[in-house]
């Protein structure tokens, strides 16, 4: 399910969190899908369960997953109010990325093609 890059400068829990977010955002994991337990994922990645627990705790606080006692963790249904809270920082990140691409010589057409490609992927 997940592979870690031990050469990556980021902490392992951040890598796990980011990879699970990517799976949720891409639709590979859908609403209410069960995700591996902390112990299962820790065993498959051969890392400390506390690392997985930290990633899951962050994902839950950000609204990506929810947990049910004695049942496990699941992908959260899309919550518009939670999305609105995150959109400001995501817009800031997008603006920063576009400005950097512009600075590096990418023209408006190239940047818009990237955005169009992303939207086309979502309609498949």
C-alpha atoms as a PDB file:
ATOM      1  CA  UNK A   1       0.000   0.000   0.000  1.00  0.00           C
ATOM      2  CA  UNK A   2       2.653   2.514   1.042  1.00  0.00           C
ATOM      3  CA  UNK A   3       6.374   2.746   0.516  1.00  0.00           C
ATOM      4  CA  UNK A   4       8.619   4.990   2.547  1.00  0.00           C
ATOM      5  CA  UNK A   5      11.703   6.803   1.333  1.00  0.00           C
ATOM      6  CA  UNK A   6      14.268   6.547   4.100  1.00  0.00           C
ATOM      7  CA  UNK A   7      16.422   9.065   2.228  1.00  0.00           C
ATOM      8  CA  UNK A   8      13.642  11.659   2.435  1.00  0.00           C
ATOM      9  CA  UNK A   9      14.437  14.464   4.874  1.00  0.00           C
ATOM     10  CA  UNK A  10      10.864  14.500   6.207  1.00  0.00           C
ATOM     11  CA  UNK A  11       9.893  12.483   9.285  1.00  0.00           C
ATOM     12  CA  UNK A  12       8.340   9.085   8.539  1.00  0.00           C
ATOM     13  CA  UNK A  13       4.971  10.061  10.016  1.00  0.00           C
ATOM     14  CA  UNK A  14       4.759  12.995   7.565  1.00  0.00           C
ATOM     15  CA  UNK A  15       5.548  10.700   4.644  1.00  0.00           C
ATOM     16  CA  UNK A  16       2.815   8.295   5.767  1.00  0.00           C
ATOM     17  CA  UNK A  17       0.352  11.131   6.275  1.00  0.00           C
ATOM     18  CA  UNK A  18       1.106  12.620   2.848  1.00  0.00           C
ATOM     19  CA  UNK A  19       0.870   9.262   1.065  1.00  0.00           C
ATOM     20  CA  UNK A  20      -2.485   8.462   2.681  1.00  0.00           C
ATOM     21  CA  UNK A  21      -3.755  11.948   1.819  1.00  0.00           C
ATOM     22  CA  UNK A  22      -2.703  11.363  -1.793  1.00  0.00           C
ATOM     23  CA  UNK A  23      -4.591   8.057  -1.861  1.00  0.00           C
ATOM     24  CA  UNK A  24      -7.706   9.751  -0.474  1.00  0.00           C
ATOM     25  CA  UNK A  25      -7.520  12.789  -2.746  1.00  0.00           C
ATOM     26  CA  UNK A  26      -6.878  10.651  -5.847  1.00  0.00           C
ATOM     27  CA  UNK A  27      -9.884   8.462  -5.043  1.00  0.00           C
ATOM     28  CA  UNK A  28      -7.839   5.294  -4.521  1.00  0.00           C
ATOM     29  CA  UNK A  29      -9.317   5.326  -1.014  1.00  0.00           C
ATOM     30  CA  UNK A  30     -12.980   6.320  -0.910  1.00  0.00           C
ATOM     31  CA  UNK A  31     -15.388   7.526   1.757  1.00  0.00           C
ATOM     32  CA  UNK A  32     -15.785   5.013   4.577  1.00  0.00           C
ATOM     33  CA  UNK A  33     -13.067   2.683   3.239  1.00  0.00           C
ATOM     34  CA  UNK A  34     -11.251   0.982   6.101  1.00  0.00           C
ATOM     35  CA  UNK A  35      -7.560   1.752   6.249  1.00  0.00           C
ATOM     36  CA  UNK A  36      -5.000  -0.639   7.772  1.00  0.00           C
ATOM     37  CA  UNK A  37      -4.819  -0.713  11.527  1.00  0.00           C
ATOM     38  CA  UNK A  38      -1.870   0.942  13.216  1.00  0.00           C
ATOM     39  CA  UNK A  39      -0.348  -2.457  13.982  1.00  0.00           C
ATOM     40  CA  UNK A  40      -0.920  -3.824  10.460  1.00  0.00           C
ATOM     41  CA  UNK A  41       0.680  -0.841   8.781  1.00  0.00           C
ATOM     42  CA  UNK A  42       3.549  -0.717  11.278  1.00  0.00           C
ATOM     43  CA  UNK A  43       4.265  -4.399  10.640  1.00  0.00           C
ATOM     44  CA  UNK A  44       4.110  -4.045   6.854  1.00  0.00           C
ATOM     45  CA  UNK A  45       6.428  -1.014   6.902  1.00  0.00           C
ATOM     46  CA  UNK A  46       8.631  -2.437   9.690  1.00  0.00           C
ATOM     47  CA  UNK A  47       8.435   0.759  11.757  1.00  0.00           C
ATOM     48  CA  UNK A  48       7.281   1.727  15.232  1.00  0.00           C
ATOM     49  CA  UNK A  49       3.479   1.767  15.684  1.00  0.00           C
ATOM     50  CA  UNK A  50       3.777   5.153  17.420  1.00  0.00           C
ATOM     51  CA  UNK A  51       4.905   6.624  14.090  1.00  0.00           C
ATOM     52  CA  UNK A  52       1.745   5.336  12.391  1.00  0.00           C
ATOM     53  CA  UNK A  53      -0.375   6.526  15.313  1.00  0.00           C
ATOM     54  CA  UNK A  54       0.998  10.075  14.949  1.00  0.00           C
ATOM     55  CA  UNK A  55       0.192  10.104  11.229  1.00  0.00           C
ATOM     56  CA  UNK A  56      -3.333   8.794  11.865  1.00  0.00           C
ATOM     57  CA  UNK A  57      -3.886  11.334  14.655  1.00  0.00           C
ATOM     58  CA  UNK A  58      -2.876  14.183  12.315  1.00  0.00           C
ATOM     59  CA  UNK A  59      -5.068  12.837   9.496  1.00  0.00           C
ATOM     60  CA  UNK A  60      -8.005  12.590  11.876  1.00  0.00           C
ATOM     61  CA  UNK A  61      -7.520  16.130  13.189  1.00  0.00           C
ATOM     62  CA  UNK A  62      -7.372  17.366   9.589  1.00  0.00           C
ATOM     63  CA  UNK A  63     -10.616  15.544   8.774  1.00  0.00           C
ATOM     64  CA  UNK A  64      -9.256  12.960   6.336  1.00  0.00           C
ATOM     65  CA  UNK A  65     -10.016   9.912   8.474  1.00  0.00           C
ATOM     66  CA  UNK A  66     -12.155   8.980  11.455  1.00  0.00           C
ATOM     67  CA  UNK A  67     -11.862   6.140  13.923  1.00  0.00           C
ATOM     68  CA  UNK A  68     -14.417   3.924  15.554  1.00  0.00           C
ATOM     69  CA  UNK A  69     -13.585   2.196  18.796  1.00  0.00           C
ATOM     70  CA  UNK A  70     -12.859  -1.513  18.273  1.00  0.00           C
ATOM     71  CA  UNK A  71     -13.522  -1.218  14.511  1.00  0.00           C
ATOM     72  CA  UNK A  72     -10.594   0.771  13.160  1.00  0.00           C
ATOM     73  CA  UNK A  73      -9.945   3.848  11.068  1.00  0.00           C
ATOM     74  CA  UNK A  74     -11.852   4.856   7.954  1.00  0.00           C
ATOM     75  CA  UNK A  75     -11.750   7.507   5.239  1.00  0.00           C
ATOM     76  CA  UNK A  76     -13.970  10.413   6.257  1.00  0.00           C
ATOM     77  CA  UNK A  77     -16.906  11.490   4.160  1.00  0.00           C
ATOM     78  CA  UNK A  78     -16.190  14.764   2.431  1.00  0.00           C
ATOM     79  CA  UNK A  79     -17.206  17.544   4.804  1.00  0.00           C
ATOM     80  CA  UNK A  80     -17.728  20.904   3.129  1.00  0.00           C
ATOM     81  CA  UNK A  81     -17.179  22.876   6.344  1.00  0.00           C
ATOM     82  CA  UNK A  82     -13.825  21.187   6.965  1.00  0.00           C
ATOM     83  CA  UNK A  83     -12.843  21.788   3.342  1.00  0.00           C
ATOM     84  CA  UNK A  84     -13.604  25.499   3.664  1.00  0.00           C
ATOM     85  CA  UNK A  85     -11.292  25.783   6.648  1.00  0.00           C
ATOM     86  CA  UNK A  86      -8.408  24.292   4.655  1.00  0.00           C
ATOM     87  CA  UNK A  87      -8.985  26.136   1.383  1.00  0.00           C
ATOM     88  CA  UNK A  88      -7.330  29.367   2.474  1.00  0.00           C
ATOM     89  CA  UNK A  89      -3.977  27.705   3.140  1.00  0.00           C
ATOM     90  CA  UNK A  90      -4.312  25.575   0.005  1.00  0.00           C
ATOM     91  CA  UNK A  91      -5.010  28.690  -2.074  1.00  0.00           C
ATOM     92  CA  UNK A  92      -1.946  30.325  -0.552  1.00  0.00           C
ATOM     93  CA  UNK A  93       0.109  27.266  -1.522  1.00  0.00           C
ATOM     94  CA  UNK A  94      -1.284  27.346  -5.065  1.00  0.00           C
ATOM     95  CA  UNK A  95      -0.542  31.055  -5.426  1.00  0.00           C
ATOM     96  CA  UNK A  96       2.988  30.495  -4.165  1.00  0.00           C
ATOM     97  CA  UNK A  97       3.528  27.569  -6.577  1.00  0.00           C
ATOM     98  CA  UNK A  98       2.184  29.525  -9.565  1.00  0.00           C
ATOM     99  CA  UNK A  99       4.361  32.523  -8.710  1.00  0.00           C
ATOM    100  CA  UNK A 100       7.401  30.266  -8.456  1.00  0.00           C
ATOM    101  CA  UNK A 101       6.605  28.576 -11.791  1.00  0.00           C
ATOM    102  CA  UNK A 102       6.200  32.003 -13.376  1.00  0.00           C
ATOM    103  CA  UNK A 103       9.526  33.124 -11.915  1.00  0.00           C
ATOM    104  CA  UNK A 104      11.175  29.990 -13.304  1.00  0.00           C
ATOM    105  CA  UNK A 105       9.970  30.851 -16.783  1.00  0.00           C
ATOM    106  CA  UNK A 106       6.756  28.876 -17.190  1.00  0.00           C
ATOM    107  CA  UNK A 107       4.177  30.871 -19.103  1.00  0.00           C
ATOM    108  CA  UNK A 108       0.486  31.125 -18.307  1.00  0.00           C
ATOM    109  CA  UNK A 109      -0.460  28.569 -20.969  1.00  0.00           C
ATOM    110  CA  UNK A 110       1.819  25.908 -19.498  1.00  0.00           C
ATOM    111  CA  UNK A 111       0.487  26.486 -15.991  1.00  0.00           C
ATOM    112  CA  UNK A 112      -3.122  26.327 -17.184  1.00  0.00           C
ATOM    113  CA  UNK A 113      -2.357  23.081 -19.072  1.00  0.00           C
ATOM    114  CA  UNK A 114      -1.183  21.547 -15.797  1.00  0.00           C
ATOM    115  CA  UNK A 115      -4.441  22.549 -14.114  1.00  0.00           C
ATOM    116  CA  UNK A 116      -6.515  21.241 -17.041  1.00  0.00           C
ATOM    117  CA  UNK A 117      -4.653  17.924 -16.896  1.00  0.00           C
ATOM    118  CA  UNK A 118      -5.516  17.555 -13.211  1.00  0.00           C
ATOM    119  CA  UNK A 119      -9.205  18.228 -13.864  1.00  0.00           C
ATOM    120  CA  UNK A 120      -9.254  15.734 -16.747  1.00  0.00           C
ATOM    121  CA  UNK A 121      -7.727  13.046 -14.512  1.00  0.00           C
ATOM    122  CA  UNK A 122     -10.562  13.534 -12.033  1.00  0.00           C
ATOM    123  CA  UNK A 123     -13.243  12.909 -14.659  1.00  0.00           C
ATOM    124  CA  UNK A 124     -11.888   9.490 -15.712  1.00  0.00           C
END
